[in-house]
Amino acid sequence: MHTIEPHFQWRDRYQAEKDQYSPFYGREYSEFHFTNKVYNYLLHPQWDEFGSETLYVKVIFADYEAGYAIMELIGEWNDALHNDVALLKREVIDLMLQAGINKYIISMENVLNFHGSDDSYYEEWKEEVRDEGGWVAFLNVLPHVAEELQDMNIDHYLSFGGPLDGVNWRPQKPVRVFEAIESVLARHRLA
C-alpha cells in the first residue's frame, strides 16, 4: 500500500495544504518518512489522517465558487469499531461545508472494506448538502464494498454504483469530472 499515492496530476491547480479553507491547511509532507498505516501496511506519506485508525483521505481538488470537492480515500472504512463516518464528517466534511462545499465526489477505489454501524451521520450529511442543493457521489466502489454499503442502506443517503462505477476520472480536468458526475446524478434523479 505504500506505493499507492493520491492523485497528483492536479497539484498545479490545487493543494489542500495551501488552501486556507481546507481541513489540511498548513500540513507538511515527507516523501521519505512513512508513519501512517492501515493495520501493518504502511501508507504513502501524502495521504492525510483525520482521526481514523484505518481510513485516510486526500482532498485533491476544491472549487468554492462552484461548491464542489474531489477526494480520494484509502484503507478500511469501519463505522462499527471506529465510527469513521463520524470522524470524516466532523473533521473534514463539516469544515468544508462551512467553506461552501456542498457537492462531494469521492473516489473509493482504494477502500478495501466497509463495516457499517448505523446511518445517522449519513442521513445528517445528506440533509445538510441537500439543503444547499448538493450531493455526495462515490466513484468506482469495489463490488464487495458496494454490497456492504447497500446492506447498511447507505445508498439511501449518497450515490454510488451503476454509471458511477468504472469512471476514468484521472486523465480529466477537475471541472470535467464535476460536470460529468453532476450530469449523471441529474439524470438519475429525473429517472
Protein backbone atom coordinates (compact mmCIF):
# COMPACT_ATOMS: atom_id res chain seq x y z
CA MET A 1 0.00 0.00 0.00
CA HIS A 2 2.96 2.33 0.48
CA THR A 3 3.29 2.75 -3.28
CA ILE A 4 -0.30 3.96 -3.78
CA GLU A 5 -0.14 7.74 -3.98
CA PRO A 6 -3.11 10.06 -4.04
CA HIS A 7 -3.80 11.54 -7.47
CA PHE A 8 -1.17 14.24 -8.03
CA GLN A 9 -1.74 15.48 -11.59
CA TRP A 10 -3.93 18.37 -10.40
CA ARG A 11 -1.40 19.72 -7.91
CA ASP A 12 -0.69 22.65 -10.22
CA ARG A 13 -4.36 23.63 -9.78
CA TYR A 14 -4.97 22.78 -6.12
CA GLN A 15 -3.09 21.73 -2.98
CA ALA A 16 -5.08 21.22 0.20
CA GLU A 17 -2.13 22.14 2.40
CA LYS A 18 -2.03 25.61 0.74
CA ASP A 19 -5.80 26.18 0.87
CA GLN A 20 -6.74 28.28 3.89
CA TYR A 21 -10.25 26.77 3.92
CA SER A 22 -9.01 23.17 3.80
CA PRO A 23 -9.01 20.99 6.92
CA PHE A 24 -5.43 20.16 5.97
CA TYR A 25 -4.15 23.71 5.57
CA GLY A 26 -0.53 24.06 6.66
CA ARG A 27 0.31 20.36 6.63
CA GLU A 28 3.80 19.38 5.63
CA TYR A 29 4.56 16.11 3.91
CA SER A 30 7.59 13.90 3.65
CA GLU A 31 8.36 11.72 0.68
CA PHE A 32 10.64 9.53 2.77
CA HIS A 33 9.13 9.02 6.23
CA PHE A 34 6.23 6.60 6.30
CA THR A 35 4.29 6.98 9.53
CA ASN A 36 0.64 6.27 8.65
CA LYS A 37 -0.55 2.74 8.24
CA VAL A 38 -3.62 0.57 7.88
CA TYR A 39 -3.03 -2.35 10.22
CA ASN A 40 0.52 -3.47 9.37
CA TYR A 41 0.62 -1.84 5.93
CA LEU A 42 2.42 1.47 5.59
CA LEU A 43 0.80 4.20 3.51
CA HIS A 44 2.39 6.73 1.22
CA PRO A 45 3.06 9.88 3.30
CA GLN A 46 0.88 12.10 1.06
CA TRP A 47 -2.35 10.65 2.50
CA ASP A 48 -3.98 12.73 5.23
CA GLU A 49 -5.08 11.40 8.56
CA PHE A 50 -8.26 12.72 10.14
CA GLY A 51 -8.54 10.61 13.29
CA SER A 52 -9.44 7.20 11.89
CA GLU A 53 -7.17 4.25 12.62
CA THR A 54 -7.84 2.59 9.26
CA LEU A 55 -9.10 5.21 6.77
CA TYR A 56 -7.19 8.10 5.19
CA VAL A 57 -8.22 10.86 2.80
CA LYS A 58 -6.78 13.26 0.26
CA VAL A 59 -8.67 16.33 -0.90
CA ILE A 60 -7.30 16.58 -4.42
CA PHE A 61 -9.42 19.47 -5.64
CA ALA A 62 -11.85 22.03 -4.28
CA ASP A 63 -13.73 24.80 -6.08
CA TYR A 64 -15.50 27.04 -3.59
CA GLU A 65 -17.30 29.12 -6.22
CA ALA A 66 -18.88 26.04 -7.81
CA GLY A 67 -19.19 24.36 -4.38
CA TYR A 68 -17.55 21.00 -5.06
CA ALA A 69 -14.62 18.93 -3.87
CA ILE A 70 -12.98 15.82 -5.27
CA MET A 71 -11.41 13.48 -2.74
CA GLU A 72 -9.81 10.05 -2.54
CA LEU A 73 -9.98 7.57 0.32
CA ILE A 74 -7.73 4.65 1.13
CA GLY A 75 -7.96 1.89 3.72
CA GLU A 76 -10.81 0.25 5.56
CA TRP A 77 -13.98 2.22 6.33
CA ASN A 78 -15.03 0.93 9.72
CA ASP A 79 -18.03 2.53 11.40
CA ALA A 80 -18.59 -0.49 13.62
CA LEU A 81 -15.29 -0.18 15.52
CA HIS A 82 -14.01 3.32 14.82
CA ASN A 83 -17.07 5.32 13.72
CA ASP A 84 -15.13 6.50 10.68
CA VAL A 85 -18.09 8.32 9.17
CA ALA A 86 -18.39 10.47 12.31
CA LEU A 87 -14.69 11.32 12.14
CA LEU A 88 -14.83 12.08 8.42
CA LYS A 89 -17.97 14.17 8.89
CA ARG A 90 -16.72 16.19 11.88
CA GLU A 91 -13.05 16.58 10.95
CA VAL A 92 -13.30 17.07 7.18
CA ILE A 93 -16.81 17.46 5.76
CA ASP A 94 -18.19 19.90 8.35
CA LEU A 95 -15.26 22.26 7.77
CA MET A 96 -15.71 22.06 4.03
CA LEU A 97 -19.47 22.64 4.35
CA GLN A 98 -18.75 25.83 6.31
CA ALA A 99 -16.49 26.96 3.46
CA GLY A 100 -19.24 26.42 0.87
CA ILE A 101 -18.61 22.90 -0.41
CA ASN A 102 -21.89 21.01 -0.84
CA LYS A 103 -21.04 18.56 -3.63
CA TYR A 104 -18.61 15.73 -2.92
CA ILE A 105 -17.02 13.39 -5.43
CA ILE A 106 -15.18 10.67 -3.53
CA SER A 107 -13.03 8.05 -5.21
CA MET A 108 -13.49 4.76 -3.37
CA GLU A 109 -11.15 2.61 -5.49
CA ASN A 110 -8.76 2.09 -2.60
CA VAL A 111 -11.35 1.44 0.11
CA LEU A 112 -10.89 -2.24 0.75
CA ASN A 113 -13.77 -2.92 3.16
CA PHE A 114 -16.77 -1.24 4.71
CA HIS A 115 -18.16 -2.17 8.11
CA GLY A 116 -21.33 -0.30 8.96
CA SER A 117 -22.99 0.57 12.21
CA ASP A 118 -25.89 3.00 11.96
CA ASP A 119 -26.85 5.55 9.35
CA SER A 120 -27.36 8.73 11.38
CA TYR A 121 -24.22 10.54 10.14
CA TYR A 122 -25.00 9.60 6.54
CA GLU A 123 -28.52 10.95 6.97
CA GLU A 124 -27.16 14.17 8.50
CA TRP A 125 -24.65 14.55 5.67
CA LYS A 126 -27.36 14.08 3.03
CA GLU A 127 -29.70 16.57 4.69
CA GLU A 128 -27.01 19.21 5.04
CA VAL A 129 -25.84 19.03 1.43
CA ARG A 130 -29.38 18.66 0.06
CA ASP A 131 -30.44 21.85 1.86
CA GLU A 132 -27.77 23.63 -0.19
CA GLY A 133 -28.60 21.84 -3.47
CA GLY A 134 -25.73 19.40 -3.10
CA TRP A 135 -25.00 15.70 -3.17
CA VAL A 136 -22.42 13.02 -2.35
CA ALA A 137 -21.16 10.62 -5.04
CA PHE A 138 -18.85 7.65 -4.50
CA LEU A 139 -16.90 6.66 -7.62
CA ASN A 140 -15.58 3.23 -8.51
CA VAL A 141 -16.67 1.39 -5.38
CA LEU A 142 -15.32 -2.17 -5.27
CA PRO A 143 -18.19 -4.68 -5.72
CA HIS A 144 -17.93 -6.22 -2.25
CA VAL A 145 -17.75 -2.75 -0.67
CA ALA A 146 -20.83 -1.67 -2.64
CA GLU A 147 -22.64 -4.73 -1.33
CA GLU A 148 -21.64 -3.86 2.24
CA LEU A 149 -22.82 -0.25 1.73
CA GLN A 150 -26.15 -1.45 0.33
CA ASP A 151 -26.61 -3.90 3.19
CA MET A 152 -26.48 -0.89 5.54
CA ASN A 153 -28.83 1.14 3.25
CA ILE A 154 -26.17 3.81 2.72
CA ASP A 155 -27.45 4.11 -0.85
CA HIS A 156 -30.45 5.97 0.62
CA TYR A 157 -28.12 8.84 1.52
CA LEU A 158 -25.50 9.03 -1.18
CA SER A 159 -24.98 7.85 -4.75
CA PHE A 160 -22.78 5.02 -5.97
CA GLY A 161 -22.85 2.16 -8.44
CA GLY A 162 -24.17 1.98 -11.98
CA PRO A 163 -22.74 4.82 -14.07
CA LEU A 164 -20.56 5.91 -11.14
CA ASP A 165 -18.52 2.70 -11.44
CA GLY A 166 -15.71 2.41 -13.94
CA VAL A 167 -15.31 6.19 -14.22
CA ASN A 168 -11.91 7.04 -15.70
CA TRP A 169 -11.57 10.39 -13.95
CA ARG A 170 -7.81 10.72 -13.55
CA PRO A 171 -6.90 11.94 -17.07
CA GLN A 172 -9.70 14.54 -16.98
CA LYS A 173 -9.64 18.11 -15.72
CA PRO A 174 -11.41 18.55 -12.37
CA VAL A 175 -14.22 20.64 -13.86
CA ARG A 176 -14.92 17.94 -16.46
CA VAL A 177 -15.15 15.29 -13.73
CA PHE A 178 -17.56 17.51 -11.79
CA GLU A 179 -19.72 18.24 -14.84
CA ALA A 180 -19.88 14.56 -15.80
CA ILE A 181 -20.85 13.41 -12.30
CA GLU A 182 -23.39 16.22 -11.88
CA SER A 183 -24.94 15.25 -15.22
CA VAL A 184 -25.15 11.57 -14.23
CA LEU A 185 -26.78 12.47 -10.90
CA ALA A 186 -29.26 14.84 -12.57
CA ARG A 187 -30.35 12.11 -15.00
CA HIS A 188 -30.55 9.63 -12.13
CA ARG A 189 -32.77 11.94 -10.07
CA LEU A 190 -35.10 12.52 -13.01
CA ALA A 191 -35.49 8.79 -13.74
